[in-house]
N, C-alpha and C. Protein backbone atom coordinates (compact mmCIF):
# COMPACT_ATOMS: atom_id res chain seq x y z
N MET A 1 -8.33 -23.70 -0.78
CA MET A 1 -7.61 -23.29 0.42
C MET A 1 -6.45 -22.37 0.02
N LEU A 2 -6.32 -21.31 0.75
CA LEU A 2 -5.26 -20.35 0.47
C LEU A 2 -3.93 -20.85 1.03
N PRO A 3 -2.82 -20.50 0.37
CA PRO A 3 -1.52 -20.91 0.89
C PRO A 3 -1.22 -20.22 2.22
N ASP A 4 -0.53 -20.91 3.09
CA ASP A 4 -0.14 -20.34 4.39
C ASP A 4 1.17 -19.60 4.22
N ILE A 5 1.10 -18.28 4.16
CA ILE A 5 2.31 -17.49 3.98
C ILE A 5 2.89 -17.03 5.32
N THR A 6 2.26 -17.44 6.41
CA THR A 6 2.77 -17.01 7.71
C THR A 6 4.12 -17.65 8.04
N ILE A 7 4.62 -18.50 7.15
CA ILE A 7 5.96 -19.05 7.31
C ILE A 7 7.00 -17.92 7.34
N LEU A 8 6.61 -16.77 6.79
CA LEU A 8 7.50 -15.61 6.80
C LEU A 8 7.53 -14.92 8.15
N GLY A 9 6.74 -15.42 9.09
CA GLY A 9 6.74 -14.89 10.46
C GLY A 9 6.48 -13.41 10.51
N PRO A 10 7.31 -12.66 11.22
CA PRO A 10 7.05 -11.22 11.40
C PRO A 10 7.21 -10.41 10.11
N TYR A 11 7.67 -11.04 9.05
CA TYR A 11 7.82 -10.33 7.77
C TYR A 11 6.65 -10.60 6.83
N THR A 12 5.63 -11.31 7.30
CA THR A 12 4.50 -11.68 6.45
C THR A 12 3.81 -10.47 5.85
N TYR A 13 3.41 -9.54 6.68
CA TYR A 13 2.67 -8.36 6.21
C TYR A 13 3.55 -7.54 5.26
N LEU A 14 4.79 -7.32 5.64
CA LEU A 14 5.71 -6.54 4.82
C LEU A 14 5.92 -7.21 3.46
N ALA A 15 6.08 -8.52 3.45
CA ALA A 15 6.30 -9.25 2.19
C ALA A 15 5.10 -9.12 1.25
N THR A 16 3.90 -9.21 1.80
CA THR A 16 2.72 -9.08 0.94
C THR A 16 2.60 -7.65 0.42
N GLU A 17 2.96 -6.68 1.23
CA GLU A 17 2.93 -5.30 0.77
C GLU A 17 3.94 -5.04 -0.33
N ILE A 18 5.11 -5.63 -0.20
CA ILE A 18 6.13 -5.47 -1.25
C ILE A 18 5.64 -6.09 -2.54
N MET A 19 5.00 -7.26 -2.45
CA MET A 19 4.47 -7.91 -3.65
C MET A 19 3.43 -7.02 -4.32
N TRP A 20 2.42 -6.58 -3.56
CA TRP A 20 1.36 -5.74 -4.13
C TRP A 20 1.90 -4.37 -4.54
N GLY A 21 2.87 -3.86 -3.80
CA GLY A 21 3.50 -2.59 -4.17
C GLY A 21 4.22 -2.68 -5.50
N THR A 22 4.85 -3.81 -5.74
CA THR A 22 5.52 -4.02 -7.03
C THR A 22 4.51 -4.00 -8.16
N ILE A 23 3.36 -4.64 -7.95
CA ILE A 23 2.31 -4.62 -8.96
C ILE A 23 1.81 -3.19 -9.18
N ALA A 24 1.64 -2.44 -8.10
CA ALA A 24 1.19 -1.05 -8.22
C ALA A 24 2.18 -0.23 -9.04
N VAL A 25 3.47 -0.38 -8.76
CA VAL A 25 4.49 0.37 -9.49
C VAL A 25 4.50 -0.04 -10.96
N LEU A 26 4.35 -1.32 -11.24
CA LEU A 26 4.30 -1.78 -12.64
C LEU A 26 3.10 -1.20 -13.38
N LEU A 27 1.95 -1.14 -12.71
CA LEU A 27 0.77 -0.54 -13.33
C LEU A 27 0.99 0.95 -13.60
N LEU A 28 1.57 1.65 -12.63
CA LEU A 28 1.87 3.08 -12.82
C LEU A 28 2.83 3.28 -13.99
N TRP A 29 3.83 2.43 -14.07
CA TRP A 29 4.81 2.52 -15.15
C TRP A 29 4.14 2.23 -16.50
N TYR A 30 3.35 1.16 -16.56
CA TYR A 30 2.65 0.79 -17.79
C TYR A 30 1.77 1.94 -18.29
N ALA A 31 1.07 2.58 -17.37
CA ALA A 31 0.14 3.64 -17.73
C ALA A 31 0.82 5.00 -17.88
N ASP A 32 2.13 5.05 -17.67
CA ASP A 32 2.87 6.31 -17.69
C ASP A 32 2.24 7.30 -16.71
N ALA A 33 1.98 6.81 -15.50
CA ALA A 33 1.27 7.61 -14.50
C ALA A 33 2.02 7.67 -13.17
N VAL A 34 3.33 7.54 -13.22
CA VAL A 34 4.12 7.55 -11.98
C VAL A 34 3.97 8.88 -11.26
N ARG A 35 4.00 9.98 -12.00
CA ARG A 35 3.84 11.31 -11.36
C ARG A 35 2.47 11.46 -10.72
N ALA A 36 1.44 11.01 -11.44
CA ALA A 36 0.07 11.10 -10.90
C ALA A 36 -0.05 10.25 -9.64
N GLY A 37 0.54 9.08 -9.65
CA GLY A 37 0.51 8.22 -8.47
C GLY A 37 1.24 8.86 -7.30
N ALA A 38 2.40 9.43 -7.58
CA ALA A 38 3.18 10.08 -6.52
C ALA A 38 2.43 11.28 -5.93
N ARG A 39 1.79 12.07 -6.79
CA ARG A 39 1.01 13.22 -6.29
C ARG A 39 -0.15 12.76 -5.42
N THR A 40 -0.83 11.71 -5.87
CA THR A 40 -1.97 11.20 -5.11
C THR A 40 -1.51 10.68 -3.75
N VAL A 41 -0.42 9.94 -3.74
CA VAL A 41 0.12 9.44 -2.47
C VAL A 41 0.48 10.61 -1.56
N ALA A 42 1.13 11.62 -2.11
CA ALA A 42 1.55 12.78 -1.30
C ALA A 42 0.36 13.51 -0.68
N VAL A 43 -0.72 13.64 -1.43
CA VAL A 43 -1.91 14.34 -0.92
C VAL A 43 -2.62 13.50 0.14
N LEU A 44 -2.74 12.20 -0.10
CA LEU A 44 -3.50 11.34 0.81
C LEU A 44 -2.73 10.89 2.04
N TYR A 45 -1.40 10.88 1.95
CA TYR A 45 -0.58 10.32 3.03
C TYR A 45 -0.86 10.93 4.40
N PRO A 46 -0.90 12.25 4.54
CA PRO A 46 -1.13 12.81 5.89
C PRO A 46 -2.46 12.37 6.49
N PHE A 47 -3.52 12.35 5.69
CA PHE A 47 -4.84 11.94 6.19
C PHE A 47 -4.82 10.46 6.59
N ALA A 48 -4.23 9.65 5.73
CA ALA A 48 -4.17 8.21 6.00
C ALA A 48 -3.31 7.92 7.23
N TYR A 49 -2.23 8.67 7.38
CA TYR A 49 -1.37 8.48 8.55
C TYR A 49 -2.13 8.75 9.85
N VAL A 50 -2.84 9.88 9.91
CA VAL A 50 -3.59 10.23 11.12
C VAL A 50 -4.68 9.19 11.38
N TRP A 51 -5.37 8.78 10.34
CA TRP A 51 -6.42 7.77 10.47
C TRP A 51 -5.84 6.47 11.00
N ASP A 52 -4.73 6.05 10.42
CA ASP A 52 -4.08 4.80 10.83
C ASP A 52 -3.60 4.89 12.27
N TRP A 53 -2.92 5.99 12.59
CA TRP A 53 -2.42 6.16 13.96
C TRP A 53 -3.57 6.09 14.95
N TYR A 54 -4.64 6.81 14.65
CA TYR A 54 -5.77 6.85 15.58
C TYR A 54 -6.40 5.46 15.75
N THR A 55 -6.67 4.77 14.66
CA THR A 55 -7.33 3.46 14.78
C THR A 55 -6.45 2.45 15.50
N LEU A 56 -5.16 2.51 15.32
CA LEU A 56 -4.26 1.64 16.07
C LEU A 56 -4.22 2.03 17.54
N GLU A 57 -4.20 3.32 17.80
CA GLU A 57 -4.11 3.83 19.17
C GLU A 57 -5.33 3.43 20.01
N VAL A 58 -6.51 3.48 19.41
CA VAL A 58 -7.72 3.16 20.16
C VAL A 58 -8.06 1.66 20.10
N GLY A 59 -7.25 0.89 19.38
CA GLY A 59 -7.44 -0.55 19.38
C GLY A 59 -8.46 -1.09 18.39
N VAL A 60 -8.71 -0.36 17.32
CA VAL A 60 -9.67 -0.82 16.32
C VAL A 60 -9.19 -2.10 15.65
N PHE A 61 -7.89 -2.19 15.39
CA PHE A 61 -7.34 -3.41 14.81
C PHE A 61 -5.92 -3.63 15.30
N ALA A 62 -5.45 -4.86 15.14
CA ALA A 62 -4.09 -5.23 15.51
C ALA A 62 -3.45 -5.93 14.32
N ILE A 63 -2.14 -5.89 14.24
CA ILE A 63 -1.41 -6.50 13.14
C ILE A 63 -0.43 -7.52 13.74
N PRO A 64 -0.83 -8.78 13.80
CA PRO A 64 0.02 -9.77 14.47
C PRO A 64 1.27 -10.19 13.69
N MET A 65 1.22 -10.23 12.37
CA MET A 65 2.34 -10.73 11.58
C MET A 65 3.16 -9.57 11.01
N ARG A 66 3.79 -8.83 11.90
CA ARG A 66 4.58 -7.67 11.48
C ARG A 66 5.94 -7.66 12.14
N THR A 67 6.81 -6.80 11.65
CA THR A 67 8.19 -6.77 12.11
C THR A 67 8.34 -6.20 13.51
N GLY A 68 7.43 -5.34 13.92
CA GLY A 68 7.55 -4.67 15.21
C GLY A 68 8.29 -3.35 15.13
N VAL A 69 8.76 -3.01 13.93
CA VAL A 69 9.45 -1.73 13.73
C VAL A 69 8.40 -0.64 13.56
N GLU A 70 8.51 0.41 14.36
CA GLU A 70 7.57 1.52 14.27
C GLU A 70 8.30 2.79 13.87
N LEU A 71 7.59 3.63 13.15
CA LEU A 71 8.10 4.92 12.72
C LEU A 71 6.99 5.93 12.93
N LEU A 72 7.25 6.96 13.69
CA LEU A 72 6.26 8.00 13.98
C LEU A 72 4.96 7.44 14.56
N GLY A 73 5.09 6.42 15.39
CA GLY A 73 3.94 5.91 16.13
C GLY A 73 3.10 4.85 15.45
N ILE A 74 3.46 4.45 14.22
CA ILE A 74 2.73 3.36 13.57
C ILE A 74 3.73 2.38 12.96
N PRO A 75 3.32 1.13 12.79
CA PRO A 75 4.24 0.13 12.22
C PRO A 75 4.72 0.55 10.83
N ILE A 76 5.94 0.20 10.52
CA ILE A 76 6.52 0.52 9.21
C ILE A 76 5.65 -0.06 8.09
N GLU A 77 5.04 -1.20 8.37
CA GLU A 77 4.17 -1.82 7.36
C GLU A 77 2.98 -0.93 7.01
N GLU A 78 2.50 -0.18 7.98
CA GLU A 78 1.37 0.71 7.72
C GLU A 78 1.78 1.89 6.85
N HIS A 79 3.01 2.36 7.01
CA HIS A 79 3.51 3.41 6.13
C HIS A 79 3.53 2.91 4.69
N VAL A 80 4.01 1.68 4.51
CA VAL A 80 4.04 1.09 3.17
C VAL A 80 2.62 0.95 2.63
N PHE A 81 1.71 0.47 3.47
CA PHE A 81 0.31 0.30 3.07
C PHE A 81 -0.29 1.62 2.60
N ILE A 82 0.01 2.69 3.33
CA ILE A 82 -0.51 4.02 3.00
C ILE A 82 -0.01 4.48 1.62
N ILE A 83 1.12 4.00 1.20
CA ILE A 83 1.67 4.33 -0.12
C ILE A 83 1.11 3.39 -1.19
N VAL A 84 1.04 2.10 -0.88
CA VAL A 84 0.65 1.10 -1.87
C VAL A 84 -0.80 1.25 -2.31
N VAL A 85 -1.71 1.48 -1.39
CA VAL A 85 -3.14 1.51 -1.74
C VAL A 85 -3.46 2.59 -2.77
N PRO A 86 -3.13 3.86 -2.53
CA PRO A 86 -3.45 4.85 -3.57
C PRO A 86 -2.65 4.63 -4.86
N ALA A 87 -1.43 4.14 -4.74
CA ALA A 87 -0.64 3.85 -5.95
C ALA A 87 -1.33 2.77 -6.78
N MET A 88 -1.87 1.76 -6.13
CA MET A 88 -2.58 0.69 -6.83
C MET A 88 -3.84 1.23 -7.49
N VAL A 89 -4.58 2.06 -6.79
CA VAL A 89 -5.82 2.62 -7.35
C VAL A 89 -5.51 3.46 -8.58
N VAL A 90 -4.55 4.36 -8.48
CA VAL A 90 -4.20 5.21 -9.62
C VAL A 90 -3.63 4.36 -10.75
N GLY A 91 -2.78 3.40 -10.42
CA GLY A 91 -2.20 2.53 -11.45
C GLY A 91 -3.25 1.73 -12.19
N ALA A 92 -4.22 1.16 -11.46
CA ALA A 92 -5.29 0.40 -12.10
C ALA A 92 -6.17 1.33 -12.94
N HIS A 93 -6.55 2.47 -12.39
CA HIS A 93 -7.40 3.41 -13.10
C HIS A 93 -6.74 3.88 -14.39
N GLU A 94 -5.50 4.31 -14.30
CA GLU A 94 -4.81 4.84 -15.47
C GLU A 94 -4.49 3.74 -16.49
N SER A 95 -4.24 2.54 -16.04
CA SER A 95 -4.03 1.41 -16.96
C SER A 95 -5.30 1.10 -17.73
N LEU A 96 -6.45 1.10 -17.03
CA LEU A 96 -7.72 0.88 -17.72
C LEU A 96 -8.00 1.99 -18.72
N ARG A 97 -7.70 3.22 -18.33
CA ARG A 97 -7.90 4.33 -19.25
C ARG A 97 -7.03 4.17 -20.49
N LYS A 98 -5.79 3.75 -20.30
CA LYS A 98 -4.87 3.55 -21.43
C LYS A 98 -5.39 2.45 -22.35
N ILE A 99 -5.86 1.36 -21.77
CA ILE A 99 -6.39 0.24 -22.58
C ILE A 99 -7.62 0.70 -23.36
N ASN A 100 -8.52 1.41 -22.69
CA ASN A 100 -9.75 1.87 -23.35
C ASN A 100 -9.48 2.90 -24.44
N SER A 101 -8.48 3.74 -24.25
CA SER A 101 -8.20 4.78 -25.24
C SER A 101 -7.50 4.22 -26.48
N SER A 102 -6.93 3.04 -26.36
CA SER A 102 -6.25 2.44 -27.52
C SER A 102 -7.20 1.64 -28.41
N LYS A 103 -8.48 1.56 -28.01
CA LYS A 103 -9.46 0.81 -28.81
C LYS A 103 -10.04 1.67 -29.89
């Protein structure tokens, strides 16, 4: 059984994003890939923002455990998500590359 983190109420989604975002940043730092992660986020952010805005607008999904703070038409948590996901992908990829190249 998974732990019930909804005790954080409206900060649940944001708290999990901060946790995973911290891991993403640590992976980027470990792999010396902070610039690559930042570039990837910068390139993907506009596309992800439009996609997120549209899917929320048409009701594809809802986010019940959020702060309710919106910025440019989407929840602040979604802005964080749009940054964390590509950062995690680049961080994991570059960390694996670093590990493999040291063998």
